[in-house]
Amino acid sequence: MWKTYFERIYFSVDGSHHKYLFESRIKAATSDNWVNISLDDIIDVVLKLTRNKTAGPDTLTTEAFIYGTPRLFAHMSILFSWLQVTSVWLFSF
């Protein structure tokens, strides 16, 4: 039930234009201190989340991640890797 619900939400929007913008920004932000947070890292953390908890201030429940698709995990991996690079760059001044 939850899995199909979140799959339907995640695939409901065509993100091809945003994918292009995101990939071009990732290429521009790549630096020597790139830290790769792998898909396995994301999956390991997601599997440790507990179910049936109330949503936080962001209104996301853990089920949104637990029943997420590999596509979601791949985006999370790229996002968290990129955030580490940009936070190092932002705080290096």
C-alpha atoms as a PDB file:
ATOM      1  CA  MET A   1       0.000   0.000   0.000  1.00  0.00           C
ATOM      2  CA  TRP A   2       2.563   2.608   1.074  1.00  0.00           C
ATOM      3  CA  LYS A   3       5.072   1.582  -1.561  1.00  0.00           C
ATOM      4  CA  THR A   4       2.687   2.114  -4.476  1.00  0.00           C
ATOM      5  CA  TYR A   5       1.446   5.363  -2.926  1.00  0.00           C
ATOM      6  CA  PHE A   6       4.945   6.867  -2.757  1.00  0.00           C
ATOM      7  CA  GLU A   7       5.949   5.469  -6.150  1.00  0.00           C
ATOM      8  CA  ARG A   8       2.920   7.136  -7.694  1.00  0.00           C
ATOM      9  CA  ILE A   9       3.803  10.471  -6.088  1.00  0.00           C
ATOM     10  CA  TYR A  10       7.473  10.265  -7.005  1.00  0.00           C
ATOM     11  CA  PHE A  11       6.868   9.441 -10.663  1.00  0.00           C
ATOM     12  CA  SER A  12       3.940  11.868 -11.109  1.00  0.00           C
ATOM     13  CA  VAL A  13       6.083  14.779 -12.279  1.00  0.00           C
ATOM     14  CA  ASP A  14       8.279  14.940 -15.368  1.00  0.00           C
ATOM     15  CA  GLY A  15      11.632  16.099 -14.086  1.00  0.00           C
ATOM     16  CA  SER A  16      13.673  16.001 -17.292  1.00  0.00           C
ATOM     17  CA  HIS A  17      14.282  19.771 -17.366  1.00  0.00           C
ATOM     18  CA  HIS A  18      15.187  19.867 -13.675  1.00  0.00           C
ATOM     19  CA  LYS A  19      17.396  16.806 -14.147  1.00  0.00           C
ATOM     20  CA  TYR A  20      19.381  18.693 -16.782  1.00  0.00           C
ATOM     21  CA  LEU A  21      19.727  21.763 -14.528  1.00  0.00           C
ATOM     22  CA  PHE A  22      20.735  19.651 -11.554  1.00  0.00           C
ATOM     23  CA  GLU A  23      23.350  17.676 -13.484  1.00  0.00           C
ATOM     24  CA  SER A  24      24.893  20.837 -14.934  1.00  0.00           C
ATOM     25  CA  ARG A  25      25.099  22.372 -11.462  1.00  0.00           C
ATOM     26  CA  ILE A  26      26.667  19.202 -10.065  1.00  0.00           C
ATOM     27  CA  LYS A  27      29.332  19.280 -12.772  1.00  0.00           C
ATOM     28  CA  ALA A  28      30.053  22.926 -11.975  1.00  0.00           C
ATOM     29  CA  ALA A  29      30.356  22.221  -8.238  1.00  0.00           C
ATOM     30  CA  THR A  30      32.642  19.211  -8.528  1.00  0.00           C
ATOM     31  CA  SER A  31      35.913  19.775  -6.732  1.00  0.00           C
ATOM     32  CA  ASP A  32      38.911  17.894  -5.368  1.00  0.00           C
ATOM     33  CA  ASN A  33      37.223  17.356  -2.012  1.00  0.00           C
ATOM     34  CA  TRP A  34      34.236  15.462  -3.424  1.00  0.00           C
ATOM     35  CA  VAL A  35      32.948  12.944  -0.899  1.00  0.00           C
ATOM     36  CA  ASN A  36      30.868  10.162  -2.351  1.00  0.00           C
ATOM     37  CA  ILE A  37      27.912   9.047  -0.273  1.00  0.00           C
ATOM     38  CA  SER A  38      26.995   5.845  -2.033  1.00  0.00           C
ATOM     39  CA  LEU A  39      23.639   4.312  -2.717  1.00  0.00           C
ATOM     40  CA  ASP A  40      24.549   1.582  -0.226  1.00  0.00           C
ATOM     41  CA  ASP A  41      25.171   4.236   2.456  1.00  0.00           C
ATOM     42  CA  ILE A  42      21.699   5.660   1.878  1.00  0.00           C
ATOM     43  CA  ILE A  43      20.035   2.239   1.906  1.00  0.00           C
ATOM     44  CA  ASP A  44      21.861   1.258   5.125  1.00  0.00           C
ATOM     45  CA  VAL A  45      20.562   4.360   6.890  1.00  0.00           C
ATOM     46  CA  VAL A  46      17.035   4.038   5.520  1.00  0.00           C
ATOM     47  CA  LEU A  47      16.802   0.426   6.691  1.00  0.00           C
ATOM     48  CA  LYS A  48      17.528   1.608  10.243  1.00  0.00           C
ATOM     49  CA  LEU A  49      14.565   4.001  10.291  1.00  0.00           C
ATOM     50  CA  THR A  50      11.608   2.988  12.419  1.00  0.00           C
ATOM     51  CA  ARG A  51       8.091   2.795  11.046  1.00  0.00           C
ATOM     52  CA  ASN A  52       4.833   4.156  12.400  1.00  0.00           C
ATOM     53  CA  LYS A  53       6.227   7.381  13.797  1.00  0.00           C
ATOM     54  CA  THR A  54       4.470  10.707  13.484  1.00  0.00           C
ATOM     55  CA  ALA A  55       5.676  13.166  10.900  1.00  0.00           C
ATOM     56  CA  GLY A  56       8.080  15.887  11.938  1.00  0.00           C
ATOM     57  CA  PRO A  57       7.877  19.615  11.200  1.00  0.00           C
ATOM     58  CA  ASP A  58       8.588  18.874   7.530  1.00  0.00           C
ATOM     59  CA  THR A  59       5.478  16.615   7.441  1.00  0.00           C
ATOM     60  CA  LEU A  60       7.538  13.718   6.037  1.00  0.00           C
ATOM     61  CA  THR A  61       7.037  10.313   7.545  1.00  0.00           C
ATOM     62  CA  THR A  62       9.760   7.691   7.613  1.00  0.00           C
ATOM     63  CA  GLU A  63       7.613   5.541   5.335  1.00  0.00           C
ATOM     64  CA  ALA A  64       8.273   8.030   2.541  1.00  0.00           C
ATOM     65  CA  PHE A  65      11.917   6.976   2.680  1.00  0.00           C
ATOM     66  CA  ILE A  66      11.516   3.336   3.717  1.00  0.00           C
ATOM     67  CA  TYR A  67       9.247   2.628   0.759  1.00  0.00           C
ATOM     68  CA  GLY A  68      11.112   4.976  -1.556  1.00  0.00           C
ATOM     69  CA  THR A  69      12.331   3.746  -4.897  1.00  0.00           C
ATOM     70  CA  PRO A  70      15.949   3.244  -5.988  1.00  0.00           C
ATOM     71  CA  ARG A  71      15.514   6.455  -7.985  1.00  0.00           C
ATOM     72  CA  LEU A  72      14.825   8.369  -4.761  1.00  0.00           C
ATOM     73  CA  PHE A  73      17.858   6.780  -3.082  1.00  0.00           C
ATOM     74  CA  ALA A  74      20.066   7.726  -6.031  1.00  0.00           C
ATOM     75  CA  HIS A  75      18.900  11.345  -5.814  1.00  0.00           C
ATOM     76  CA  MET A  76      19.513  11.368  -2.066  1.00  0.00           C
ATOM     77  CA  SER A  77      23.030  10.004  -2.615  1.00  0.00           C
ATOM     78  CA  ILE A  78      23.848  12.720  -5.136  1.00  0.00           C
ATOM     79  CA  LEU A  79      22.257  15.434  -3.014  1.00  0.00           C
ATOM     80  CA  PHE A  80      24.089  14.546   0.208  1.00  0.00           C
ATOM     81  CA  SER A  81      27.405  14.164  -1.619  1.00  0.00           C
ATOM     82  CA  TRP A  82      26.905  17.550  -3.252  1.00  0.00           C
ATOM     83  CA  LEU A  83      25.891  19.175   0.048  1.00  0.00           C
ATOM     84  CA  GLN A  84      29.165  18.083   1.623  1.00  0.00           C
ATOM     85  CA  VAL A  85      31.140  19.707  -1.177  1.00  0.00           C
ATOM     86  CA  THR A  86      29.187  22.953  -1.112  1.00  0.00           C
ATOM     87  CA  SER A  87      29.204  23.214   2.684  1.00  0.00           C
ATOM     88  CA  VAL A  88      32.994  22.803   2.679  1.00  0.00           C
ATOM     89  CA  TRP A  89      33.199  25.488   0.007  1.00  0.00           C
ATOM     90  CA  LEU A  90      30.747  27.814   1.769  1.00  0.00           C
ATOM     91  CA  PHE A  91      32.510  27.603   5.133  1.00  0.00           C
ATOM     92  CA  SER A  92      36.053  27.828   3.785  1.00  0.00           C
ATOM     93  CA  PHE A  93      35.995  31.648   3.641  1.00  0.00           C
END
